[in-house]
Every structure is written in C-alpha cells, then in structure tokens.
Amino acid sequence: MTTGAVWRLYHGDQEIARLTVTGGDFPWMHADVETRPGFEEFRSVFAEQEQAVDDEDWERADACYERIRKSLTMTFPDGEPVAEFLLHIHADGTAGWRWSDEPFDED
C-alpha cells in the first residue's frame, strides 16, 4: 500500500483513529496513528493486547482481538470497509496490522 495513505478506524459511525501508512513488511502494514475523539474508550484494550503479545500470552491476546473486532471497523483509504483485520496500536503512537478482503478462517 502507498506510503502516506490514510486508513480509518471506526466505532459505529464515529471515526476514532486515522492510520497514515509509513511502510510495511508483507503481510503487515505500519502506520502513525492520529487518535480522534472516542479512541480513549479503546486505548486500554490495545495496551492489554500489546502486553499480552509481549508476554506471549496468546489466549489473552486473542481475547483482546475479539473485543477489538466486535467493536471496531476499518476502512481502506478509498472509504471501502475492510472485511477482516488484525490491528495492533502501540503506546508509542504507531500501529501494525494485516488485513484481508475475506474474513479470516475461524479454525
């Protein structure tokens, strides 16, 4: 994806973050995050997810992922919805994610 492209994160109809692409390492995208009103409600779940990954507590990381995906949606730079994504927003104001045009397998 193009450096400088802006992906958006939503809670319902409210845009809560803008992710400006800084690069990637397939299949991961990397971005700087600009938080918007409404993001604070989710900051703690992203922090918990980051800690769970650092601790290699995959069960807790998966639980965080489920909370994020049940509450938030993402759009491509053209405004079209992303079918599936795995998003990490870090305490340093950066993000990493992978996405798919199809839902991930539930296996």
PDB file of N, CA and C in Angstrom:
ATOM      1  N   MET A   1       0.855  -1.179   0.000  1.00  0.00           N
ATOM      2  CA  MET A   1       0.000   0.000   0.000  1.00  0.00           C
ATOM      3  C   MET A   1       0.896   1.236   0.000  1.00  0.00           C
ATOM      4  N   THR A   2       0.354   2.309  -0.467  1.00  0.00           N
ATOM      5  CA  THR A   2       1.104   3.541  -0.661  1.00  0.00           C
ATOM      6  C   THR A   2       1.435   4.245   0.651  1.00  0.00           C
ATOM      7  N   THR A   3       2.704   4.597   0.823  1.00  0.00           N
ATOM      8  CA  THR A   3       3.112   5.394   1.976  1.00  0.00           C
ATOM      9  C   THR A   3       2.338   6.704   1.944  1.00  0.00           C
ATOM     10  N   GLY A   4       1.818   7.103   3.103  1.00  0.00           N
ATOM     11  CA  GLY A   4       1.027   8.327   3.206  1.00  0.00           C
ATOM     12  C   GLY A   4      -0.462   8.105   3.063  1.00  0.00           C
ATOM     13  N   ALA A   5      -0.869   6.914   2.598  1.00  0.00           N
ATOM     14  CA  ALA A   5      -2.299   6.606   2.500  1.00  0.00           C
ATOM     15  C   ALA A   5      -2.900   6.557   3.902  1.00  0.00           C
ATOM     16  N   VAL A   6      -4.152   6.977   4.035  1.00  0.00           N
ATOM     17  CA  VAL A   6      -4.807   7.040   5.342  1.00  0.00           C
ATOM     18  C   VAL A   6      -5.935   6.019   5.410  1.00  0.00           C
ATOM     19  N   TRP A   7      -5.795   5.074   6.336  1.00  0.00           N
ATOM     20  CA  TRP A   7      -6.837   4.111   6.666  1.00  0.00           C
ATOM     21  C   TRP A   7      -7.547   4.678   7.892  1.00  0.00           C
ATOM     22  N   ARG A   8      -8.817   4.340   8.070  1.00  0.00           N
ATOM     23  CA  ARG A   8      -9.581   4.903   9.180  1.00  0.00           C
ATOM     24  C   ARG A   8     -10.176   3.792  10.040  1.00  0.00           C
ATOM     25  N   LEU A   9     -10.252   4.078  11.348  1.00  0.00           N
ATOM     26  CA  LEU A   9     -10.807   3.155  12.330  1.00  0.00           C
ATOM     27  C   LEU A   9     -12.065   3.784  12.914  1.00  0.00           C
ATOM     28  N   TYR A  10     -13.132   2.992  12.983  1.00  0.00           N
ATOM     29  CA  TYR A  10     -14.430   3.485  13.425  1.00  0.00           C
ATOM     30  C   TYR A  10     -14.993   2.655  14.570  1.00  0.00           C
ATOM     31  N   HIS A  11     -15.733   3.344  15.428  1.00  0.00           N
ATOM     32  CA  HIS A  11     -16.605   2.716  16.413  1.00  0.00           C
ATOM     33  C   HIS A  11     -17.999   3.181  16.014  1.00  0.00           C
ATOM     34  N   GLY A  12     -18.791   2.270  15.456  1.00  0.00           N
ATOM     35  CA  GLY A  12     -20.071   2.668  14.872  1.00  0.00           C
ATOM     36  C   GLY A  12     -19.792   3.620  13.718  1.00  0.00           C
ATOM     37  N   ASP A  13     -20.444   4.769  13.715  1.00  0.00           N
ATOM     38  CA  ASP A  13     -20.242   5.769  12.665  1.00  0.00           C
ATOM     39  C   ASP A  13     -19.175   6.793  13.023  1.00  0.00           C
ATOM     40  N   GLN A  14     -18.575   6.677  14.217  1.00  0.00           N
ATOM     41  CA  GLN A  14     -17.609   7.671  14.674  1.00  0.00           C
ATOM     42  C   GLN A  14     -16.181   7.255  14.324  1.00  0.00           C
ATOM     43  N   GLU A  15     -15.491   8.116  13.583  1.00  0.00           N
ATOM     44  CA  GLU A  15     -14.088   7.881  13.281  1.00  0.00           C
ATOM     45  C   GLU A  15     -13.279   8.136  14.549  1.00  0.00           C
ATOM     46  N   ILE A  16     -12.538   7.113  14.999  1.00  0.00           N
ATOM     47  CA  ILE A  16     -11.793   7.259  16.253  1.00  0.00           C
ATOM     48  C   ILE A  16     -10.284   7.285  16.053  1.00  0.00           C
ATOM     49  N   ALA A  17      -9.806   6.943  14.846  1.00  0.00           N
ATOM     50  CA  ALA A  17      -8.366   6.999  14.575  1.00  0.00           C
ATOM     51  C   ALA A  17      -8.120   7.032  13.076  1.00  0.00           C
ATOM     52  N   ARG A  18      -7.020   7.699  12.733  1.00  0.00           N
ATOM     53  CA  ARG A  18      -6.517   7.710  11.359  1.00  0.00           C
ATOM     54  C   ARG A  18      -5.138   7.074  11.382  1.00  0.00           C
ATOM     55  N   LEU A  19      -4.926   6.142  10.475  1.00  0.00           N
ATOM     56  CA  LEU A  19      -3.660   5.422  10.392  1.00  0.00           C
ATOM     57  C   LEU A  19      -2.982   5.807   9.080  1.00  0.00           C
ATOM     58  N   THR A  20      -1.911   6.571   9.169  1.00  0.00           N
ATOM     59  CA  THR A  20      -1.191   7.038   7.989  1.00  0.00           C
ATOM     60  C   THR A  20      -0.029   6.087   7.727  1.00  0.00           C
ATOM     61  N   VAL A  21      -0.083   5.396   6.600  1.00  0.00           N
ATOM     62  CA  VAL A  21       0.886   4.351   6.276  1.00  0.00           C
ATOM     63  C   VAL A  21       2.297   4.920   6.186  1.00  0.00           C
ATOM     64  N   THR A  22       3.210   4.247   6.903  1.00  0.00           N
ATOM     65  CA  THR A  22       4.627   4.615   6.877  1.00  0.00           C
ATOM     66  C   THR A  22       5.464   3.551   6.178  1.00  0.00           C
ATOM     67  N   GLY A  23       4.873   2.389   5.929  1.00  0.00           N
ATOM     68  CA  GLY A  23       5.595   1.301   5.267  1.00  0.00           C
ATOM     69  C   GLY A  23       4.923  -0.016   5.570  1.00  0.00           C
ATOM     70  N   GLY A  24       5.639  -1.077   5.303  1.00  0.00           N
ATOM     71  CA  GLY A  24       5.080  -2.393   5.560  1.00  0.00           C
ATOM     72  C   GLY A  24       6.129  -3.468   5.393  1.00  0.00           C
ATOM     73  N   ASP A  25       5.796  -4.638   5.878  1.00  0.00           N
ATOM     74  CA  ASP A  25       6.610  -5.831   5.757  1.00  0.00           C
ATOM     75  C   ASP A  25       5.607  -6.957   5.558  1.00  0.00           C
ATOM     76  N   PHE A  26       5.257  -7.219   4.288  1.00  0.00           N
ATOM     77  CA  PHE A  26       4.159  -8.120   3.965  1.00  0.00           C
ATOM     78  C   PHE A  26       4.143  -9.332   4.885  1.00  0.00           C
ATOM     79  N   PRO A  27       3.007  -9.657   5.469  1.00  0.00           N
ATOM     80  CA  PRO A  27       1.675  -9.112   5.220  1.00  0.00           C
ATOM     81  C   PRO A  27       1.297  -7.929   6.129  1.00  0.00           C
ATOM     82  N   TRP A  28       2.245  -7.399   6.879  1.00  0.00           N
ATOM     83  CA  TRP A  28       1.944  -6.338   7.839  1.00  0.00           C
ATOM     84  C   TRP A  28       2.098  -4.957   7.228  1.00  0.00           C
ATOM     85  N   MET A  29       1.182  -4.061   7.608  1.00  0.00           N
ATOM     86  CA  MET A  29       1.254  -2.647   7.268  1.00  0.00           C
ATOM     87  C   MET A  29       1.686  -1.921   8.542  1.00  0.00           C
ATOM     88  N   HIS A  30       2.354  -0.773   8.390  1.00  0.00           N
ATOM     89  CA  HIS A  30       2.785   0.033   9.526  1.00  0.00           C
ATOM     90  C   HIS A  30       2.324   1.463   9.324  1.00  0.00           C
ATOM     91  N   ALA A  31       1.963   2.131  10.417  1.00  0.00           N
ATOM     92  CA  ALA A  31       1.426   3.484  10.299  1.00  0.00           C
ATOM     93  C   ALA A  31       1.669   4.287  11.561  1.00  0.00           C
ATOM     94  N   ASP A  32       1.571   5.594  11.394  1.00  0.00           N
ATOM     95  CA  ASP A  32       1.467   6.510  12.518  1.00  0.00           C
ATOM     96  C   ASP A  32      -0.014   6.687  12.800  1.00  0.00           C
ATOM     97  N   VAL A  33      -0.361   6.767  14.073  1.00  0.00           N
ATOM     98  CA  VAL A  33      -1.760   6.850  14.478  1.00  0.00           C
ATOM     99  C   VAL A  33      -2.089   8.255  14.968  1.00  0.00           C
ATOM    100  N   GLU A  34      -3.163   8.792  14.435  1.00  0.00           N
ATOM    101  CA  GLU A  34      -3.732  10.048  14.931  1.00  0.00           C
ATOM    102  C   GLU A  34      -5.055   9.682  15.593  1.00  0.00           C
ATOM    103  N   THR A  35      -5.083   9.752  16.916  1.00  0.00           N
ATOM    104  CA  THR A  35      -6.319   9.406  17.611  1.00  0.00           C
ATOM    105  C   THR A  35      -7.308  10.560  17.510  1.00  0.00           C
ATOM    106  N   ARG A  36      -8.571  10.207  17.547  1.00  0.00           N
ATOM    107  CA  ARG A  36      -9.663  11.157  17.425  1.00  0.00           C
ATOM    108  C   ARG A  36     -10.572  10.961  18.638  1.00  0.00           C
ATOM    109  N   PRO A  37     -11.543  11.867  18.834  1.00  0.00           N
ATOM    110  CA  PRO A  37     -12.490  11.673  19.931  1.00  0.00           C
ATOM    111  C   PRO A  37     -13.129  10.280  19.840  1.00  0.00           C
ATOM    112  N   GLY A  38     -13.216   9.612  20.983  1.00  0.00           N
ATOM    113  CA  GLY A  38     -13.781   8.270  21.040  1.00  0.00           C
ATOM    114  C   GLY A  38     -12.737   7.175  21.154  1.00  0.00           C
ATOM    115  N   PHE A  39     -11.478   7.496  20.837  1.00  0.00           N
ATOM    116  CA  PHE A  39     -10.442   6.465  20.898  1.00  0.00           C
ATOM    117  C   PHE A  39     -10.135   6.037  22.326  1.00  0.00           C
ATOM    118  N   GLU A  40     -10.188   6.969  23.254  1.00  0.00           N
ATOM    119  CA  GLU A  40      -9.795   6.674  24.643  1.00  0.00           C
ATOM    120  C   GLU A  40     -10.521   5.459  25.213  1.00  0.00           C
ATOM    121  N   GLU A  41     -11.749   5.242  24.806  1.00  0.00           N
ATOM    122  CA  GLU A  41     -12.521   4.093  25.273  1.00  0.00           C
ATOM    123  C   GLU A  41     -11.817   2.771  24.943  1.00  0.00           C
ATOM    124  N   PHE A  42     -10.981   2.769  23.904  1.00  0.00           N
ATOM    125  CA  PHE A  42     -10.339   1.536  23.443  1.00  0.00           C
ATOM    126  C   PHE A  42      -8.843   1.484  23.717  1.00  0.00           C
ATOM    127  N   ARG A  43      -8.268   2.571  24.213  1.00  0.00           N
ATOM    128  CA  ARG A  43      -6.818   2.604  24.451  1.00  0.00           C
ATOM    129  C   ARG A  43      -6.380   1.453  25.358  1.00  0.00           C
ATOM    130  N   SER A  44      -7.151   1.164  26.399  1.00  0.00           N
ATOM    131  CA  SER A  44      -6.745   0.127  27.354  1.00  0.00           C
ATOM    132  C   SER A  44      -6.743  -1.267  26.730  1.00  0.00           C
ATOM    133  N   VAL A  45      -7.664  -1.547  25.815  1.00  0.00           N
ATOM    134  CA  VAL A  45      -7.670  -2.875  25.202  1.00  0.00           C
ATOM    135  C   VAL A  45      -6.473  -3.039  24.266  1.00  0.00           C
ATOM    136  N   PHE A  46      -6.068  -1.975  23.564  1.00  0.00           N
ATOM    137  CA  PHE A  46      -4.861  -2.055  22.739  1.00  0.00           C
ATOM    138  C   PHE A  46      -3.623  -2.209  23.616  1.00  0.00           C
ATOM    139  N   ALA A  47      -3.590  -1.530  24.754  1.00  0.00           N
ATOM    140  CA  ALA A  47      -2.462  -1.668  25.690  1.00  0.00           C
ATOM    141  C   ALA A  47      -2.408  -3.087  26.251  1.00  0.00           C
ATOM    142  N   GLU A  48      -3.562  -3.626  26.595  1.00  0.00           N
ATOM    143  CA  GLU A  48      -3.601  -5.000  27.114  1.00  0.00           C
ATOM    144  C   GLU A  48      -3.149  -5.986  26.047  1.00  0.00           C
ATOM    145  N   GLN A  49      -3.569  -5.770  24.810  1.00  0.00           N
ATOM    146  CA  GLN A  49      -3.166  -6.641  23.710  1.00  0.00           C
ATOM    147  C   GLN A  49      -1.642  -6.589  23.514  1.00  0.00           C
ATOM    148  N   GLU A  50      -1.082  -5.386  23.557  1.00  0.00           N
ATOM    149  CA  GLU A  50       0.363  -5.230  23.387  1.00  0.00           C
ATOM    150  C   GLU A  50       1.113  -5.961  24.499  1.00  0.00           C
ATOM    151  N   GLN A  51       0.641  -5.841  25.735  1.00  0.00           N
ATOM    152  CA  GLN A  51       1.279  -6.525  26.861  1.00  0.00           C
ATOM    153  C   GLN A  51       1.140  -8.037  26.726  1.00  0.00           C
ATOM    154  N   ALA A  52      -0.026  -8.498  26.299  1.00  0.00           N
ATOM    155  CA  ALA A  52      -0.245  -9.934  26.128  1.00  0.00           C
ATOM    156  C   ALA A  52       0.711 -10.509  25.080  1.00  0.00           C
ATOM    157  N   VAL A  53       0.901  -9.790  23.978  1.00  0.00           N
ATOM    158  CA  VAL A  53       1.838 -10.251  22.949  1.00  0.00           C
ATOM    159  C   VAL A  53       3.261 -10.270  23.511  1.00  0.00           C
ATOM    160  N   ASP A  54       3.651  -9.214  24.221  1.00  0.00           N
ATOM    161  CA  ASP A  54       4.986  -9.168  24.836  1.00  0.00           C
ATOM    162  C   ASP A  54       5.195 -10.337  25.799  1.00  0.00           C
ATOM    163  N   ASP A  55       4.117 -10.709  26.518  1.00  0.00           N
ATOM    164  CA  ASP A  55       4.178 -11.808  27.477  1.00  0.00           C
ATOM    165  C   ASP A  55       3.984 -13.175  26.826  1.00  0.00           C
ATOM    166  N   GLU A  56       3.729 -13.182  25.510  1.00  0.00           N
ATOM    167  CA  GLU A  56       3.410 -14.405  24.772  1.00  0.00           C
ATOM    168  C   GLU A  56       2.220 -15.130  25.383  1.00  0.00           C
ATOM    169  N   ASP A  57       1.254 -14.335  25.864  1.00  0.00           N
ATOM    170  CA  ASP A  57       0.005 -14.857  26.406  1.00  0.00           C
ATOM    171  C   ASP A  57      -1.027 -14.802  25.276  1.00  0.00           C
ATOM    172  N   TRP A  58      -0.992 -15.821  24.421  1.00  0.00           N
ATOM    173  CA  TRP A  58      -1.787 -15.804  23.198  1.00  0.00           C
ATOM    174  C   TRP A  58      -3.284 -15.882  23.466  1.00  0.00           C
ATOM    175  N   GLU A  59      -3.678 -16.527  24.539  1.00  0.00           N
ATOM    176  CA  GLU A  59      -5.101 -16.595  24.885  1.00  0.00           C
ATOM    177  C   GLU A  59      -5.632 -15.189  25.202  1.00  0.00           C
ATOM    178  N   ARG A  60      -4.891 -14.442  25.985  1.00  0.00           N
ATOM    179  CA  ARG A  60      -5.290 -13.074  26.330  1.00  0.00           C
ATOM    180  C   ARG A  60      -5.213 -12.172  25.101  1.00  0.00           C
ATOM    181  N   ALA A  61      -4.193 -12.345  24.264  1.00  0.00           N
ATOM    182  CA  ALA A  61      -4.087 -11.560  23.022  1.00  0.00           C
ATOM    183  C   ALA A  61      -5.276 -11.829  22.113  1.00  0.00           C
ATOM    184  N   ASP A  62      -5.684 -13.100  22.000  1.00  0.00           N
ATOM    185  CA  ASP A  62      -6.846 -13.448  21.185  1.00  0.00           C
ATOM    186  C   ASP A  62      -8.125 -12.830  21.751  1.00  0.00           C
ATOM    187  N   ALA A  63      -8.250 -12.806  23.066  1.00  0.00           N
ATOM    188  CA  ALA A  63      -9.427 -12.194  23.690  1.00  0.00           C
ATOM    189  C   ALA A  63      -9.489 -10.701  23.377  1.00  0.00           C
ATOM    190  N   CYS A  64      -8.348 -10.045  23.383  1.00  0.00           N
ATOM    191  CA  CYS A  64      -8.295  -8.619  23.023  1.00  0.00           C
ATOM    192  C   CYS A  64      -8.693  -8.427  21.566  1.00  0.00           C
ATOM    193  N   TYR A  65      -8.157  -9.277  20.696  1.00  0.00           N
ATOM    194  CA  TYR A  65      -8.503  -9.219  19.275  1.00  0.00           C
ATOM    195  C   TYR A  65     -10.017  -9.319  19.099  1.00  0.00           C
ATOM    196  N   GLU A  66     -10.633 -10.258  19.800  1.00  0.00           N
ATOM    197  CA  GLU A  66     -12.089 -10.433  19.691  1.00  0.00           C
ATOM    198  C   GLU A  66     -12.832  -9.172  20.130  1.00  0.00           C
ATOM    199  N   ARG A  67     -12.394  -8.548  21.211  1.00  0.00           N
ATOM    200  CA  ARG A  67     -13.043  -7.311  21.676  1.00  0.00           C
ATOM    201  C   ARG A  67     -12.890  -6.195  20.644  1.00  0.00           C
ATOM    202  N   ILE A  68     -11.709  -6.091  20.058  1.00  0.00           N
ATOM    203  CA  ILE A  68     -11.462  -5.061  19.049  1.00  0.00           C
ATOM    204  C   ILE A  68     -12.359  -5.291  17.834  1.00  0.00           C
ATOM    205  N   ARG A  69     -12.395  -6.504  17.331  1.00  0.00           N
ATOM    206  CA  ARG A  69     -13.160  -6.796  16.111  1.00  0.00           C
ATOM    207  C   ARG A  69     -14.667  -6.702  16.323  1.00  0.00           C
ATOM    208  N   LYS A  70     -15.142  -6.963  17.535  1.00  0.00           N
ATOM    209  CA  LYS A  70     -16.580  -6.840  17.802  1.00  0.00           C
ATOM    210  C   LYS A  70     -17.008  -5.386  17.916  1.00  0.00           C
ATOM    211  N   SER A  71     -16.071  -4.491  18.230  1.00  0.00           N
ATOM    212  CA  SER A  71     -16.406  -3.094  18.488  1.00  0.00           C
ATOM    213  C   SER A  71     -16.007  -2.129  17.383  1.00  0.00           C
ATOM    214  N   LEU A  72     -14.999  -2.487  16.597  1.00  0.00           N
ATOM    215  CA  LEU A  72     -14.409  -1.532  15.667  1.00  0.00           C
ATOM    216  C   LEU A  72     -14.430  -2.038  14.223  1.00  0.00           C
ATOM    217  N   THR A  73     -14.475  -1.097  13.294  1.00  0.00           N
ATOM    218  CA  THR A  73     -14.347  -1.399  11.880  1.00  0.00           C
ATOM    219  C   THR A  73     -13.236  -0.536  11.302  1.00  0.00           C
ATOM    220  N   MET A  74     -12.731  -0.951  10.154  1.00  0.00           N
ATOM    221  CA  MET A  74     -11.647  -0.234   9.491  1.00  0.00           C
ATOM    222  C   MET A  74     -12.045  -0.025   8.039  1.00  0.00           C
ATOM    223  N   THR A  75     -11.573   1.100   7.468  1.00  0.00           N
ATOM    224  CA  THR A  75     -11.790   1.331   6.042  1.00  0.00           C
ATOM    225  C   THR A  75     -10.457   1.529   5.334  1.00  0.00           C
ATOM    226  N   PHE A  76     -10.462   1.132   4.062  1.00  0.00           N
ATOM    227  CA  PHE A  76      -9.349   1.402   3.172  1.00  0.00           C
ATOM    228  C   PHE A  76      -9.288   2.906   2.917  1.00  0.00           C
ATOM    229  N   PRO A  77      -8.189   3.387   2.346  1.00  0.00           N
ATOM    230  CA  PRO A  77      -8.097   4.816   2.020  1.00  0.00           C
ATOM    231  C   PRO A  77      -9.238   5.318   1.127  1.00  0.00           C
ATOM    232  N   ASP A  78      -9.812   4.441   0.302  1.00  0.00           N
ATOM    233  CA  ASP A  78     -10.919   4.870  -0.568  1.00  0.00           C
ATOM    234  C   ASP A  78     -12.266   4.879   0.140  1.00  0.00           C
ATOM    235  N   GLY A  79     -12.269   4.526   1.442  1.00  0.00           N
ATOM    236  CA  GLY A  79     -13.501   4.539   2.220  1.00  0.00           C
ATOM    237  C   GLY A  79     -14.258   3.229   2.253  1.00  0.00           C
ATOM    238  N   GLU A  80     -13.825   2.253   1.466  1.00  0.00           N
ATOM    239  CA  GLU A  80     -14.483   0.945   1.466  1.00  0.00           C
ATOM    240  C   GLU A  80     -14.114   0.181   2.738  1.00  0.00           C
ATOM    241  N   PRO A  81     -15.063  -0.593   3.276  1.00  0.00           N
ATOM    242  CA  PRO A  81     -14.769  -1.338   4.507  1.00  0.00           C
ATOM    243  C   PRO A  81     -13.779  -2.481   4.285  1.00  0.00           C
ATOM    244  N   VAL A  82     -12.954  -2.722   5.290  1.00  0.00           N
ATOM    245  CA  VAL A  82     -12.018  -3.845   5.301  1.00  0.00           C
ATOM    246  C   VAL A  82     -12.772  -5.039   5.889  1.00  0.00           C
ATOM    247  N   ALA A  83     -12.795  -6.159   5.152  1.00  0.00           N
ATOM    248  CA  ALA A  83     -13.559  -7.330   5.602  1.00  0.00           C
ATOM    249  C   ALA A  83     -13.029  -7.899   6.907  1.00  0.00           C
ATOM    250  N   GLU A  84     -11.716  -7.961   7.026  1.00  0.00           N
ATOM    251  CA  GLU A  84     -11.097  -8.555   8.219  1.00  0.00           C
ATOM    252  C   GLU A  84      -9.759  -7.893   8.458  1.00  0.00           C
ATOM    253  N   PHE A  85      -9.417  -7.691   9.730  1.00  0.00           N
ATOM    254  CA  PHE A  85      -8.120  -7.107  10.062  1.00  0.00           C
ATOM    255  C   PHE A  85      -7.677  -7.541  11.445  1.00  0.00           C
ATOM    256  N   LEU A  86      -6.374  -7.551  11.620  1.00  0.00           N
ATOM    257  CA  LEU A  86      -5.739  -7.807  12.906  1.00  0.00           C
ATOM    258  C   LEU A  86      -4.888  -6.572  13.173  1.00  0.00           C
ATOM    259  N   LEU A  87      -5.318  -5.747  14.123  1.00  0.00           N
ATOM    260  CA  LEU A  87      -4.724  -4.439  14.357  1.00  0.00           C
ATOM    261  C   LEU A  87      -4.075  -4.368  15.730  1.00  0.00           C
ATOM    262  N   HIS A  88      -2.863  -3.826  15.749  1.00  0.00           N
ATOM    263  CA  HIS A  88      -2.153  -3.523  16.990  1.00  0.00           C
ATOM    264  C   HIS A  88      -1.860  -2.025  16.981  1.00  0.00           C
ATOM    265  N   ILE A  89      -2.336  -1.320  17.988  1.00  0.00           N
ATOM    266  CA  ILE A  89      -1.973   0.089  18.162  1.00  0.00           C
ATOM    267  C   ILE A  89      -1.092   0.158  19.391  1.00  0.00           C
ATOM    268  N   HIS A  90       0.117   0.674  19.189  1.00  0.00           N
ATOM    269  CA  HIS A  90       1.136   0.678  20.229  1.00  0.00           C
ATOM    270  C   HIS A  90       1.131   1.977  21.024  1.00  0.00           C
ATOM    271  N   ALA A  91       1.662   1.904  22.227  1.00  0.00           N
ATOM    272  CA  ALA A  91       1.714   3.061  23.126  1.00  0.00           C
ATOM    273  C   ALA A  91       2.534   4.201  22.540  1.00  0.00           C
ATOM    274  N   ASP A  92       3.434   3.916  21.602  1.00  0.00           N
ATOM    275  CA  ASP A  92       4.276   4.960  21.009  1.00  0.00           C
ATOM    276  C   ASP A  92       3.595   5.715  19.863  1.00  0.00           C
ATOM    277  N   GLY A  93       2.299   5.419  19.623  1.00  0.00           N
ATOM    278  CA  GLY A  93       1.572   6.130  18.575  1.00  0.00           C
ATOM    279  C   GLY A  93       1.731   5.545  17.187  1.00  0.00           C
ATOM    280  N   THR A  94       2.217   4.318  17.118  1.00  0.00           N
ATOM    281  CA  THR A  94       2.314   3.620  15.841  1.00  0.00           C
ATOM    282  C   THR A  94       1.355   2.441  15.833  1.00  0.00           C
ATOM    283  N   ALA A  95       1.149   1.895  14.648  1.00  0.00           N
ATOM    284  CA  ALA A  95       0.259   0.741  14.514  1.00  0.00           C
ATOM    285  C   ALA A  95       0.855  -0.240  13.520  1.00  0.00           C
ATOM    286  N   GLY A  96       0.438  -1.473  13.659  1.00  0.00           N
ATOM    287  CA  GLY A  96       0.738  -2.513  12.689  1.00  0.00           C
ATOM    288  C   GLY A  96      -0.523  -3.325  12.486  1.00  0.00           C
ATOM    289  N   TRP A  97      -0.802  -3.699  11.262  1.00  0.00           N
ATOM    290  CA  TRP A  97      -1.976  -4.531  11.011  1.00  0.00           C
ATOM    291  C   TRP A  97      -1.798  -5.327   9.732  1.00  0.00           C
ATOM    292  N   ARG A  98      -2.577  -6.367   9.655  1.00  0.00           N
ATOM    293  CA  ARG A  98      -2.736  -7.137   8.430  1.00  0.00           C
ATOM    294  C   ARG A  98      -4.213  -7.186   8.145  1.00  0.00           C
ATOM    295  N   TRP A  99      -4.566  -7.362   6.899  1.00  0.00           N
ATOM    296  CA  TRP A  99      -5.967  -7.305   6.507  1.00  0.00           C
ATOM    297  C   TRP A  99      -6.247  -8.317   5.412  1.00  0.00           C
ATOM    298  N   SER A 100      -7.537  -8.519   5.184  1.00  0.00           N
ATOM    299  CA  SER A 100      -7.969  -9.450   4.142  1.00  0.00           C
ATOM    300  C   SER A 100      -9.276  -8.967   3.541  1.00  0.00           C
ATOM    301  N   ASP A 101      -9.471  -9.275   2.268  1.00  0.00           N
ATOM    302  CA  ASP A 101     -10.748  -8.983   1.605  1.00  0.00           C
ATOM    303  C   ASP A 101     -11.831  -9.963   2.049  1.00  0.00           C
ATOM    304  N   GLU A 102     -11.421 -11.056   2.660  1.00  0.00           N
ATOM    305  CA  GLU A 102     -12.334 -12.096   3.139  1.00  0.00           C
ATOM    306  C   GLU A 102     -12.121 -12.268   4.647  1.00  0.00           C
ATOM    307  N   PRO A 103     -13.164 -12.672   5.374  1.00  0.00           N
ATOM    308  CA  PRO A 103     -12.969 -12.960   6.802  1.00  0.00           C
ATOM    309  C   PRO A 103     -11.899 -14.032   6.997  1.00  0.00           C
ATOM    310  N   PHE A 104     -11.104 -13.896   8.076  1.00  0.00           N
ATOM    311  CA  PHE A 104     -10.099 -14.888   8.401  1.00  0.00           C
ATOM    312  C   PHE A 104     -10.800 -16.201   8.750  1.00  0.00           C
ATOM    313  N   ASP A 105     -10.127 -17.315   8.519  1.00  0.00           N
ATOM    314  CA  ASP A 105     -10.667 -18.625   8.899  1.00  0.00           C
ATOM    315  C   ASP A 105     -10.853 -18.673  10.397  1.00  0.00           C
ATOM    316  N   GLU A 106     -11.911 -19.343  10.827  1.00  0.00           N
ATOM    317  CA  GLU A 106     -12.216 -19.468  12.241  1.00  0.00           C
ATOM    318  C   GLU A 106     -11.650 -20.769  12.816  1.00  0.00           C
ATOM    319  N   ASP A 107     -10.761 -21.430  12.085  1.00  0.00           N
ATOM    320  CA  ASP A 107     -10.204 -22.727  12.529  1.00  0.00           C
ATOM    321  C   ASP A 107      -9.307 -22.575  13.708  1.00  0.00           C
TER     322      ASP A 107
END
